[in-house]
Amino acid sequence: MEINQNLSEKAQYDFSLVMQAVNGDQKAYAELMDRYRDAIYFMLLKMVNNPIDAEDMTIEAFGKAFKNIHQYTPNYAFSTWLFKIATNNCIDHIRKKRGNMVSIDQNEEETENAPLSIQSSSPDPEEDMIKKQKEILMRDVVTQLKPRYRHLIELRYFKEYSYEEIATEMDLPLGTVKAQLFRARELLFNILNSSRGYV
Protein backbone atom coordinates (compact mmCIF):
# COMPACT_ATOMS: atom_id res chain seq x y z
CA MET A 1 0.00 0.00 0.00
CA GLU A 2 1.47 3.33 -1.07
CA ILE A 3 1.59 6.44 1.09
CA ASN A 4 -0.76 9.17 -0.08
CA GLN A 5 1.54 12.08 -0.95
CA ASN A 6 -1.24 14.54 -0.12
CA LEU A 7 -0.96 13.58 3.55
CA SER A 8 1.03 15.83 5.87
CA GLU A 9 4.50 14.75 6.94
CA LYS A 10 3.07 13.80 10.35
CA ALA A 11 0.32 11.69 8.76
CA GLN A 12 2.83 9.98 6.47
CA TYR A 13 4.94 9.05 9.49
CA ASP A 14 1.81 7.68 11.19
CA PHE A 15 1.11 5.59 8.10
CA SER A 16 4.61 4.10 8.24
CA LEU A 17 3.93 3.16 11.88
CA VAL A 18 0.61 1.59 10.87
CA MET A 19 2.38 -0.54 8.28
CA GLN A 20 4.89 -1.68 10.91
CA ALA A 21 2.03 -2.45 13.33
CA VAL A 22 0.16 -4.50 10.71
CA ASN A 23 3.35 -6.54 10.35
CA GLY A 24 3.34 -7.26 14.08
CA ASP A 25 5.72 -4.58 15.39
CA GLN A 26 4.61 -3.98 19.01
CA LYS A 27 6.78 -0.86 19.30
CA ALA A 28 4.82 0.74 16.44
CA TYR A 29 1.55 0.13 18.33
CA ALA A 30 3.07 1.68 21.45
CA GLU A 31 4.32 4.72 19.53
CA LEU A 32 0.92 5.31 17.90
CA MET A 33 -0.69 5.11 21.32
CA ASP A 34 1.85 7.54 22.81
CA ARG A 35 1.30 10.02 19.96
CA TYR A 36 -2.48 10.22 20.38
CA ARG A 37 -3.45 8.93 23.82
CA ASP A 38 -3.57 12.36 25.51
CA ALA A 39 -5.39 14.04 22.61
CA ILE A 40 -8.02 11.28 22.50
CA TYR A 41 -8.41 11.35 26.29
CA PHE A 42 -8.96 15.12 26.48
CA MET A 43 -11.40 15.05 23.56
CA LEU A 44 -13.43 12.31 25.28
CA LEU A 45 -13.20 14.10 28.63
CA LYS A 46 -14.86 17.15 27.04
CA MET A 47 -17.61 14.91 25.68
CA VAL A 48 -18.42 12.96 28.87
CA ASN A 49 -16.99 15.18 31.63
CA ASN A 50 -15.96 12.09 33.59
CA PRO A 51 -12.23 11.22 33.91
CA ILE A 52 -12.79 7.50 34.60
CA ASP A 53 -15.16 7.08 31.63
CA ALA A 54 -12.79 9.08 29.44
CA GLU A 55 -9.83 6.86 30.44
CA ASP A 56 -11.78 3.66 29.79
CA MET A 57 -13.07 4.90 26.44
CA THR A 58 -9.57 5.99 25.41
CA ILE A 59 -8.37 2.42 25.93
CA GLU A 60 -11.44 1.07 24.12
CA ALA A 61 -10.83 3.40 21.17
CA PHE A 62 -7.26 2.20 20.77
CA GLY A 63 -8.42 -1.40 21.23
CA LYS A 64 -10.94 -1.07 18.39
CA ALA A 65 -8.50 0.80 16.17
CA PHE A 66 -5.69 -1.72 16.68
CA LYS A 67 -8.04 -4.67 16.22
CA ASN A 68 -9.12 -3.24 12.85
CA ILE A 69 -5.88 -1.52 11.88
CA HIS A 70 -5.60 -3.60 8.70
CA GLN A 71 -8.77 -1.81 7.49
CA TYR A 72 -7.17 1.64 7.66
CA THR A 73 -6.44 3.15 4.25
CA PRO A 74 -4.19 6.20 3.69
CA ASN A 75 -6.91 8.17 1.89
CA TYR A 76 -6.96 10.30 5.04
CA ALA A 77 -4.76 10.69 8.12
CA PHE A 78 -4.58 7.88 10.68
CA SER A 79 -5.42 10.46 13.37
CA THR A 80 -8.69 11.30 11.53
CA TRP A 81 -9.62 7.61 11.46
CA LEU A 82 -8.68 7.13 15.12
CA PHE A 83 -10.62 10.19 16.32
CA LYS A 84 -13.67 9.02 14.35
CA ILE A 85 -13.54 5.63 16.10
CA ALA A 86 -13.19 7.31 19.50
CA THR A 87 -16.04 9.75 18.79
CA ASN A 88 -18.43 7.02 17.58
CA ASN A 89 -17.56 4.87 20.60
CA CYS A 90 -18.26 7.80 22.91
CA ILE A 91 -21.60 8.59 21.24
CA ASP A 92 -22.65 4.94 21.71
CA HIS A 93 -21.63 5.18 25.38
CA ILE A 94 -23.66 8.38 25.90
CA ARG A 95 -26.72 6.85 24.20
CA LYS A 96 -26.54 3.76 26.41
CA LYS A 97 -26.11 5.88 29.51
CA ARG A 98 -29.06 8.09 28.59
CA GLY A 99 -31.22 4.96 28.50
CA ASN A 100 -30.51 4.41 32.22
CA MET A 101 -31.10 7.97 33.37
CA VAL A 102 -34.04 10.19 34.25
CA SER A 103 -34.35 13.95 34.58
CA ILE A 104 -35.82 15.58 37.67
CA ASP A 105 -35.75 19.23 36.65
CA GLN A 106 -36.40 19.32 32.90
CA ASN A 107 -39.71 19.20 31.09
CA GLU A 108 -40.21 16.77 28.19
CA GLU A 109 -39.43 19.33 25.47
CA GLU A 110 -36.13 20.29 27.13
CA THR A 111 -35.25 16.66 27.77
CA GLU A 112 -35.39 15.92 24.06
CA ASN A 113 -32.25 17.98 23.35
CA ALA A 114 -30.51 18.14 26.72
CA PRO A 115 -28.04 15.76 28.37
CA LEU A 116 -29.57 13.78 31.22
CA SER A 117 -27.61 13.70 34.43
CA ILE A 118 -29.51 11.98 37.23
CA GLN A 119 -29.38 8.19 37.38
CA SER A 120 -32.51 6.25 38.23
CA SER A 121 -32.39 5.06 41.83
CA SER A 122 -34.45 1.90 41.24
CA PRO A 123 -32.53 -0.70 39.23
CA ASP A 124 -34.53 -3.20 37.21
CA PRO A 125 -34.36 -6.63 39.00
CA GLU A 126 -33.91 -8.40 35.65
CA GLU A 127 -31.04 -6.06 34.70
CA ASP A 128 -29.49 -6.67 38.11
CA MET A 129 -29.61 -10.43 37.55
CA ILE A 130 -28.10 -10.11 34.06
CA LYS A 131 -25.35 -7.89 35.48
CA LYS A 132 -24.53 -10.52 38.13
CA GLN A 133 -24.47 -13.29 35.52
CA LYS A 134 -22.10 -11.23 33.36
CA GLU A 135 -19.84 -10.65 36.35
CA ILE A 136 -19.71 -14.39 37.09
CA LEU A 137 -18.86 -15.08 33.44
CA MET A 138 -16.21 -12.35 33.44
CA ARG A 139 -14.60 -13.67 36.62
CA ASP A 140 -14.44 -17.12 35.02
CA VAL A 141 -12.79 -15.68 31.90
CA VAL A 142 -10.36 -13.60 33.97
CA THR A 143 -9.03 -16.77 35.64
CA GLN A 144 -7.64 -17.77 32.23
CA LEU A 145 -5.29 -14.78 32.17
CA LYS A 146 -1.70 -14.85 33.38
CA PRO A 147 -1.47 -13.82 37.08
CA ARG A 148 -0.08 -10.35 36.27
CA TYR A 149 -2.98 -9.47 33.95
CA ARG A 150 -5.54 -11.16 36.18
CA HIS A 151 -4.49 -9.03 39.16
CA LEU A 152 -4.69 -5.85 37.09
CA ILE A 153 -8.22 -6.63 35.86
CA GLU A 154 -9.40 -7.57 39.36
CA LEU A 155 -8.09 -4.32 40.84
CA ARG A 156 -9.48 -2.14 38.05
CA TYR A 157 -12.87 -3.68 37.38
CA PHE A 158 -13.85 -5.72 40.44
CA LYS A 159 -12.34 -3.55 43.17
CA GLU A 160 -12.70 -0.35 41.08
CA TYR A 161 -9.21 1.00 41.84
CA SER A 162 -8.06 4.10 39.97
CA TYR A 163 -5.00 3.80 37.73
CA GLU A 164 -3.00 5.68 40.37
CA GLU A 165 -4.13 3.28 43.12
CA ILE A 166 -3.17 0.29 40.99
CA ALA A 167 0.25 1.81 40.30
CA THR A 168 0.79 2.24 44.05
CA GLU A 169 -0.56 -1.23 44.91
CA MET A 170 1.62 -3.00 42.31
CA ASP A 171 4.59 -0.63 42.58
CA LEU A 172 4.53 0.10 38.85
CA PRO A 173 4.83 3.31 36.81
CA LEU A 174 1.45 4.74 35.80
CA GLY A 175 2.23 4.33 32.08
CA THR A 176 3.04 0.65 32.60
CA VAL A 177 -0.26 0.10 34.42
CA LYS A 178 -2.23 1.67 31.53
CA ALA A 179 -0.30 -0.25 28.87
CA GLN A 180 -0.67 -3.58 30.69
CA LEU A 181 -4.39 -2.99 31.32
CA PHE A 182 -4.81 -2.31 27.61
CA ARG A 183 -3.08 -5.63 26.86
CA ALA A 184 -5.13 -7.44 29.52
CA ARG A 185 -8.39 -6.17 28.00
CA GLU A 186 -7.20 -7.23 24.56
CA LEU A 187 -6.51 -10.73 25.88
CA LEU A 188 -9.93 -10.86 27.55
CA PHE A 189 -11.52 -9.90 24.25
CA ASN A 190 -9.62 -12.69 22.49
CA ILE A 191 -10.74 -15.25 25.09
CA LEU A 192 -14.38 -14.18 24.84
CA ASN A 193 -14.30 -14.38 21.06
CA SER A 194 -12.39 -17.63 20.67
CA SER A 195 -13.09 -21.13 21.86
CA ARG A 196 -9.35 -21.72 21.70
CA GLY A 197 -9.01 -19.84 24.99
CA TYR A 198 -5.90 -17.94 26.08
CA VAL A 199 -3.91 -16.28 23.31
C-alpha atoms as a PDB file:
ATOM      1  CA  MET A   1       0.000   0.000   0.000  1.00  0.00           C
ATOM      2  CA  GLU A   2       1.473   3.333  -1.074  1.00  0.00           C
ATOM      3  CA  ILE A   3       1.593   6.436   1.086  1.00  0.00           C
ATOM      4  CA  ASN A   4      -0.761   9.174  -0.079  1.00  0.00           C
ATOM      5  CA  GLN A   5       1.539  12.075  -0.951  1.00  0.00           C
ATOM      6  CA  ASN A   6      -1.244  14.539  -0.116  1.00  0.00           C
ATOM      7  CA  LEU A   7      -0.959  13.579   3.545  1.00  0.00           C
ATOM      8  CA  SER A   8       1.027  15.826   5.874  1.00  0.00           C
ATOM      9  CA  GLU A   9       4.497  14.750   6.936  1.00  0.00           C
ATOM     10  CA  LYS A  10       3.072  13.797  10.350  1.00  0.00           C
ATOM     11  CA  ALA A  11       0.325  11.689   8.759  1.00  0.00           C
ATOM     12  CA  GLN A  12       2.834   9.982   6.471  1.00  0.00           C
ATOM     13  CA  TYR A  13       4.940   9.051   9.489  1.00  0.00           C
ATOM     14  CA  ASP A  14       1.807   7.684  11.193  1.00  0.00           C
ATOM     15  CA  PHE A  15       1.111   5.587   8.105  1.00  0.00           C
ATOM     16  CA  SER A  16       4.613   4.103   8.236  1.00  0.00           C
ATOM     17  CA  LEU A  17       3.930   3.162  11.883  1.00  0.00           C
ATOM     18  CA  VAL A  18       0.607   1.589  10.871  1.00  0.00           C
ATOM     19  CA  MET A  19       2.384  -0.540   8.278  1.00  0.00           C
ATOM     20  CA  GLN A  20       4.888  -1.681  10.912  1.00  0.00           C
ATOM     21  CA  ALA A  21       2.033  -2.448  13.334  1.00  0.00           C
ATOM     22  CA  VAL A  22       0.163  -4.498  10.709  1.00  0.00           C
ATOM     23  CA  ASN A  23       3.353  -6.544  10.353  1.00  0.00           C
ATOM     24  CA  GLY A  24       3.343  -7.257  14.081  1.00  0.00           C
ATOM     25  CA  ASP A  25       5.724  -4.585  15.390  1.00  0.00           C
ATOM     26  CA  GLN A  26       4.611  -3.980  19.009  1.00  0.00           C
ATOM     27  CA  LYS A  27       6.781  -0.856  19.300  1.00  0.00           C
ATOM     28  CA  ALA A  28       4.817   0.736  16.443  1.00  0.00           C
ATOM     29  CA  TYR A  29       1.546   0.133  18.327  1.00  0.00           C
ATOM     30  CA  ALA A  30       3.069   1.680  21.451  1.00  0.00           C
ATOM     31  CA  GLU A  31       4.324   4.724  19.535  1.00  0.00           C
ATOM     32  CA  LEU A  32       0.922   5.310  17.897  1.00  0.00           C
ATOM     33  CA  MET A  33      -0.692   5.114  21.315  1.00  0.00           C
ATOM     34  CA  ASP A  34       1.846   7.543  22.811  1.00  0.00           C
ATOM     35  CA  ARG A  35       1.295  10.022  19.964  1.00  0.00           C
ATOM     36  CA  TYR A  36      -2.476  10.220  20.379  1.00  0.00           C
ATOM     37  CA  ARG A  37      -3.453   8.928  23.825  1.00  0.00           C
ATOM     38  CA  ASP A  38      -3.566  12.359  25.511  1.00  0.00           C
ATOM     39  CA  ALA A  39      -5.392  14.043  22.614  1.00  0.00           C
ATOM     40  CA  ILE A  40      -8.021  11.278  22.500  1.00  0.00           C
ATOM     41  CA  TYR A  41      -8.408  11.348  26.287  1.00  0.00           C
ATOM     42  CA  PHE A  42      -8.963  15.116  26.485  1.00  0.00           C
ATOM     43  CA  MET A  43     -11.396  15.053  23.556  1.00  0.00           C
ATOM     44  CA  LEU A  44     -13.430  12.306  25.280  1.00  0.00           C
ATOM     45  CA  LEU A  45     -13.203  14.098  28.633  1.00  0.00           C
ATOM     46  CA  LYS A  46     -14.856  17.146  27.042  1.00  0.00           C
ATOM     47  CA  MET A  47     -17.612  14.910  25.677  1.00  0.00           C
ATOM     48  CA  VAL A  48     -18.422  12.962  28.867  1.00  0.00           C
ATOM     49  CA  ASN A  49     -16.988  15.179  31.630  1.00  0.00           C
ATOM     50  CA  ASN A  50     -15.960  12.085  33.590  1.00  0.00           C
ATOM     51  CA  PRO A  51     -12.233  11.220  33.911  1.00  0.00           C
ATOM     52  CA  ILE A  52     -12.786   7.496  34.600  1.00  0.00           C
ATOM     53  CA  ASP A  53     -15.156   7.075  31.631  1.00  0.00           C
ATOM     54  CA  ALA A  54     -12.785   9.080  29.436  1.00  0.00           C
ATOM     55  CA  GLU A  55      -9.831   6.862  30.439  1.00  0.00           C
ATOM     56  CA  ASP A  56     -11.778   3.661  29.790  1.00  0.00           C
ATOM     57  CA  MET A  57     -13.071   4.899  26.437  1.00  0.00           C
ATOM     58  CA  THR A  58      -9.572   5.989  25.414  1.00  0.00           C
ATOM     59  CA  ILE A  59      -8.368   2.418  25.931  1.00  0.00           C
ATOM     60  CA  GLU A  60     -11.440   1.069  24.118  1.00  0.00           C
ATOM     61  CA  ALA A  61     -10.834   3.399  21.165  1.00  0.00           C
ATOM     62  CA  PHE A  62      -7.257   2.197  20.766  1.00  0.00           C
ATOM     63  CA  GLY A  63      -8.418  -1.395  21.234  1.00  0.00           C
ATOM     64  CA  LYS A  64     -10.938  -1.072  18.392  1.00  0.00           C
ATOM     65  CA  ALA A  65      -8.498   0.804  16.166  1.00  0.00           C
ATOM     66  CA  PHE A  66      -5.688  -1.717  16.681  1.00  0.00           C
ATOM     67  CA  LYS A  67      -8.036  -4.673  16.224  1.00  0.00           C
ATOM     68  CA  ASN A  68      -9.123  -3.239  12.845  1.00  0.00           C
ATOM     69  CA  ILE A  69      -5.881  -1.524  11.881  1.00  0.00           C
ATOM     70  CA  HIS A  70      -5.602  -3.596   8.705  1.00  0.00           C
ATOM     71  CA  GLN A  71      -8.775  -1.811   7.488  1.00  0.00           C
ATOM     72  CA  TYR A  72      -7.171   1.636   7.658  1.00  0.00           C
ATOM     73  CA  THR A  73      -6.439   3.149   4.252  1.00  0.00           C
ATOM     74  CA  PRO A  74      -4.189   6.201   3.694  1.00  0.00           C
ATOM     75  CA  ASN A  75      -6.907   8.172   1.889  1.00  0.00           C
ATOM     76  CA  TYR A  76      -6.962  10.302   5.041  1.00  0.00           C
ATOM     77  CA  ALA A  77      -4.759  10.689   8.122  1.00  0.00           C
ATOM     78  CA  PHE A  78      -4.584   7.877  10.685  1.00  0.00           C
ATOM     79  CA  SER A  79      -5.422  10.464  13.366  1.00  0.00           C
ATOM     80  CA  THR A  80      -8.686  11.296  11.534  1.00  0.00           C
ATOM     81  CA  TRP A  81      -9.620   7.608  11.457  1.00  0.00           C
ATOM     82  CA  LEU A  82      -8.678   7.132  15.117  1.00  0.00           C
ATOM     83  CA  PHE A  83     -10.624  10.194  16.317  1.00  0.00           C
ATOM     84  CA  LYS A  84     -13.671   9.016  14.348  1.00  0.00           C
ATOM     85  CA  ILE A  85     -13.544   5.629  16.098  1.00  0.00           C
ATOM     86  CA  ALA A  86     -13.187   7.314  19.503  1.00  0.00           C
ATOM     87  CA  THR A  87     -16.041   9.747  18.787  1.00  0.00           C
ATOM     88  CA  ASN A  88     -18.430   7.022  17.583  1.00  0.00           C
ATOM     89  CA  ASN A  89     -17.563   4.867  20.597  1.00  0.00           C
ATOM     90  CA  CYS A  90     -18.259   7.801  22.906  1.00  0.00           C
ATOM     91  CA  ILE A  91     -21.597   8.591  21.237  1.00  0.00           C
ATOM     92  CA  ASP A  92     -22.654   4.939  21.713  1.00  0.00           C
ATOM     93  CA  HIS A  93     -21.626   5.175  25.378  1.00  0.00           C
ATOM     94  CA  ILE A  94     -23.656   8.381  25.898  1.00  0.00           C
ATOM     95  CA  ARG A  95     -26.716   6.852  24.203  1.00  0.00           C
ATOM     96  CA  LYS A  96     -26.544   3.763  26.410  1.00  0.00           C
ATOM     97  CA  LYS A  97     -26.108   5.879  29.508  1.00  0.00           C
ATOM     98  CA  ARG A  98     -29.062   8.087  28.588  1.00  0.00           C
ATOM     99  CA  GLY A  99     -31.219   4.964  28.503  1.00  0.00           C
ATOM    100  CA  ASN A 100     -30.511   4.406  32.217  1.00  0.00           C
ATOM    101  CA  MET A 101     -31.098   7.970  33.375  1.00  0.00           C
ATOM    102  CA  VAL A 102     -34.041  10.194  34.254  1.00  0.00           C
ATOM    103  CA  SER A 103     -34.346  13.951  34.579  1.00  0.00           C
ATOM    104  CA  ILE A 104     -35.819  15.582  37.672  1.00  0.00           C
ATOM    105  CA  ASP A 105     -35.752  19.226  36.649  1.00  0.00           C
ATOM    106  CA  GLN A 106     -36.404  19.315  32.899  1.00  0.00           C
ATOM    107  CA  ASN A 107     -39.712  19.199  31.089  1.00  0.00           C
ATOM    108  CA  GLU A 108     -40.211  16.767  28.189  1.00  0.00           C
ATOM    109  CA  GLU A 109     -39.433  19.326  25.472  1.00  0.00           C
ATOM    110  CA  GLU A 110     -36.130  20.287  27.128  1.00  0.00           C
ATOM    111  CA  THR A 111     -35.255  16.659  27.774  1.00  0.00           C
ATOM    112  CA  GLU A 112     -35.385  15.916  24.056  1.00  0.00           C
ATOM    113  CA  ASN A 113     -32.252  17.975  23.352  1.00  0.00           C
ATOM    114  CA  ALA A 114     -30.513  18.144  26.723  1.00  0.00           C
ATOM    115  CA  PRO A 115     -28.041  15.761  28.369  1.00  0.00           C
ATOM    116  CA  LEU A 116     -29.566  13.783  31.222  1.00  0.00           C
ATOM    117  CA  SER A 117     -27.612  13.699  34.432  1.00  0.00           C
ATOM    118  CA  ILE A 118     -29.510  11.976  37.232  1.00  0.00           C
ATOM    119  CA  GLN A 119     -29.385   8.186  37.383  1.00  0.00           C
ATOM    120  CA  SER A 120     -32.512   6.251  38.225  1.00  0.00           C
ATOM    121  CA  SER A 121     -32.389   5.063  41.834  1.00  0.00           C
ATOM    122  CA  SER A 122     -34.448   1.904  41.243  1.00  0.00           C
ATOM    123  CA  PRO A 123     -32.527  -0.704  39.230  1.00  0.00           C
ATOM    124  CA  ASP A 124     -34.530  -3.201  37.213  1.00  0.00           C
ATOM    125  CA  PRO A 125     -34.362  -6.626  39.002  1.00  0.00           C
ATOM    126  CA  GLU A 126     -33.906  -8.396  35.648  1.00  0.00           C
ATOM    127  CA  GLU A 127     -31.044  -6.060  34.700  1.00  0.00           C
ATOM    128  CA  ASP A 128     -29.491  -6.665  38.113  1.00  0.00           C
ATOM    129  CA  MET A 129     -29.609 -10.432  37.551  1.00  0.00           C
ATOM    130  CA  ILE A 130     -28.097 -10.106  34.063  1.00  0.00           C
ATOM    131  CA  LYS A 131     -25.349  -7.894  35.477  1.00  0.00           C
ATOM    132  CA  LYS A 132     -24.526 -10.520  38.134  1.00  0.00           C
ATOM    133  CA  GLN A 133     -24.467 -13.290  35.516  1.00  0.00           C
ATOM    134  CA  LYS A 134     -22.103 -11.234  33.360  1.00  0.00           C
ATOM    135  CA  GLU A 135     -19.838 -10.646  36.347  1.00  0.00           C
ATOM    136  CA  ILE A 136     -19.713 -14.393  37.087  1.00  0.00           C
ATOM    137  CA  LEU A 137     -18.863 -15.083  33.439  1.00  0.00           C
ATOM    138  CA  MET A 138     -16.214 -12.346  33.440  1.00  0.00           C
ATOM    139  CA  ARG A 139     -14.604 -13.669  36.622  1.00  0.00           C
ATOM    140  CA  ASP A 140     -14.439 -17.117  35.025  1.00  0.00           C
ATOM    141  CA  VAL A 141     -12.791 -15.676  31.904  1.00  0.00           C
ATOM    142  CA  VAL A 142     -10.359 -13.597  33.974  1.00  0.00           C
ATOM    143  CA  THR A 143      -9.029 -16.774  35.642  1.00  0.00           C
ATOM    144  CA  GLN A 144      -7.635 -17.770  32.231  1.00  0.00           C
ATOM    145  CA  LEU A 145      -5.292 -14.779  32.174  1.00  0.00           C
ATOM    146  CA  LYS A 146      -1.705 -14.845  33.378  1.00  0.00           C
ATOM    147  CA  PRO A 147      -1.473 -13.819  37.077  1.00  0.00           C
ATOM    148  CA  ARG A 148      -0.080 -10.348  36.268  1.00  0.00           C
ATOM    149  CA  TYR A 149      -2.977  -9.465  33.950  1.00  0.00           C
ATOM    150  CA  ARG A 150      -5.545 -11.161  36.184  1.00  0.00           C
ATOM    151  CA  HIS A 151      -4.485  -9.035  39.159  1.00  0.00           C
ATOM    152  CA  LEU A 152      -4.693  -5.846  37.089  1.00  0.00           C
ATOM    153  CA  ILE A 153      -8.221  -6.631  35.860  1.00  0.00           C
ATOM    154  CA  GLU A 154      -9.397  -7.569  39.355  1.00  0.00           C
ATOM    155  CA  LEU A 155      -8.088  -4.321  40.841  1.00  0.00           C
ATOM    156  CA  ARG A 156      -9.480  -2.137  38.055  1.00  0.00           C
ATOM    157  CA  TYR A 157     -12.873  -3.683  37.376  1.00  0.00           C
ATOM    158  CA  PHE A 158     -13.845  -5.723  40.441  1.00  0.00           C
ATOM    159  CA  LYS A 159     -12.338  -3.549  43.172  1.00  0.00           C
ATOM    160  CA  GLU A 160     -12.699  -0.355  41.076  1.00  0.00           C
ATOM    161  CA  TYR A 161      -9.210   0.997  41.844  1.00  0.00           C
ATOM    162  CA  SER A 162      -8.060   4.097  39.972  1.00  0.00           C
ATOM    163  CA  TYR A 163      -4.998   3.804  37.728  1.00  0.00           C
ATOM    164  CA  GLU A 164      -3.003   5.684  40.368  1.00  0.00           C
ATOM    165  CA  GLU A 165      -4.128   3.282  43.124  1.00  0.00           C
ATOM    166  CA  ILE A 166      -3.170   0.285  40.985  1.00  0.00           C
ATOM    167  CA  ALA A 167       0.251   1.814  40.299  1.00  0.00           C
ATOM    168  CA  THR A 168       0.789   2.243  44.054  1.00  0.00           C
ATOM    169  CA  GLU A 169      -0.557  -1.225  44.913  1.00  0.00           C
ATOM    170  CA  MET A 170       1.617  -3.000  42.313  1.00  0.00           C
ATOM    171  CA  ASP A 171       4.587  -0.629  42.583  1.00  0.00           C
ATOM    172  CA  LEU A 172       4.533   0.097  38.854  1.00  0.00           C
ATOM    173  CA  PRO A 173       4.828   3.308  36.806  1.00  0.00           C
ATOM    174  CA  LEU A 174       1.447   4.741  35.797  1.00  0.00           C
ATOM    175  CA  GLY A 175       2.232   4.335  32.084  1.00  0.00           C
ATOM    176  CA  THR A 176       3.039   0.653  32.599  1.00  0.00           C
ATOM    177  CA  VAL A 177      -0.255   0.098  34.417  1.00  0.00           C
ATOM    178  CA  LYS A 178      -2.225   1.669  31.534  1.00  0.00           C
ATOM    179  CA  ALA A 179      -0.303  -0.253  28.870  1.00  0.00           C
ATOM    180  CA  GLN A 180      -0.667  -3.584  30.688  1.00  0.00           C
ATOM    181  CA  LEU A 181      -4.391  -2.987  31.315  1.00  0.00           C
ATOM    182  CA  PHE A 182      -4.807  -2.312  27.612  1.00  0.00           C
ATOM    183  CA  ARG A 183      -3.081  -5.626  26.864  1.00  0.00           C
ATOM    184  CA  ALA A 184      -5.131  -7.442  29.522  1.00  0.00           C
ATOM    185  CA  ARG A 185      -8.393  -6.167  28.002  1.00  0.00           C
ATOM    186  CA  GLU A 186      -7.196  -7.230  24.563  1.00  0.00           C
ATOM    187  CA  LEU A 187      -6.508 -10.730  25.885  1.00  0.00           C
ATOM    188  CA  LEU A 188      -9.933 -10.862  27.550  1.00  0.00           C
ATOM    189  CA  PHE A 189     -11.524  -9.903  24.252  1.00  0.00           C
ATOM    190  CA  ASN A 190      -9.625 -12.692  22.493  1.00  0.00           C
ATOM    191  CA  ILE A 191     -10.743 -15.246  25.092  1.00  0.00           C
ATOM    192  CA  LEU A 192     -14.384 -14.178  24.843  1.00  0.00           C
ATOM    193  CA  ASN A 193     -14.299 -14.381  21.057  1.00  0.00           C
ATOM    194  CA  SER A 194     -12.388 -17.625  20.665  1.00  0.00           C
ATOM    195  CA  SER A 195     -13.088 -21.135  21.864  1.00  0.00           C
ATOM    196  CA  ARG A 196      -9.348 -21.722  21.700  1.00  0.00           C
ATOM    197  CA  GLY A 197      -9.006 -19.843  24.985  1.00  0.00           C
ATOM    198  CA  TYR A 198      -5.901 -17.943  26.076  1.00  0.00           C
ATOM    199  CA  VAL A 199      -3.909 -16.275  23.305  1.00  0.00           C
END
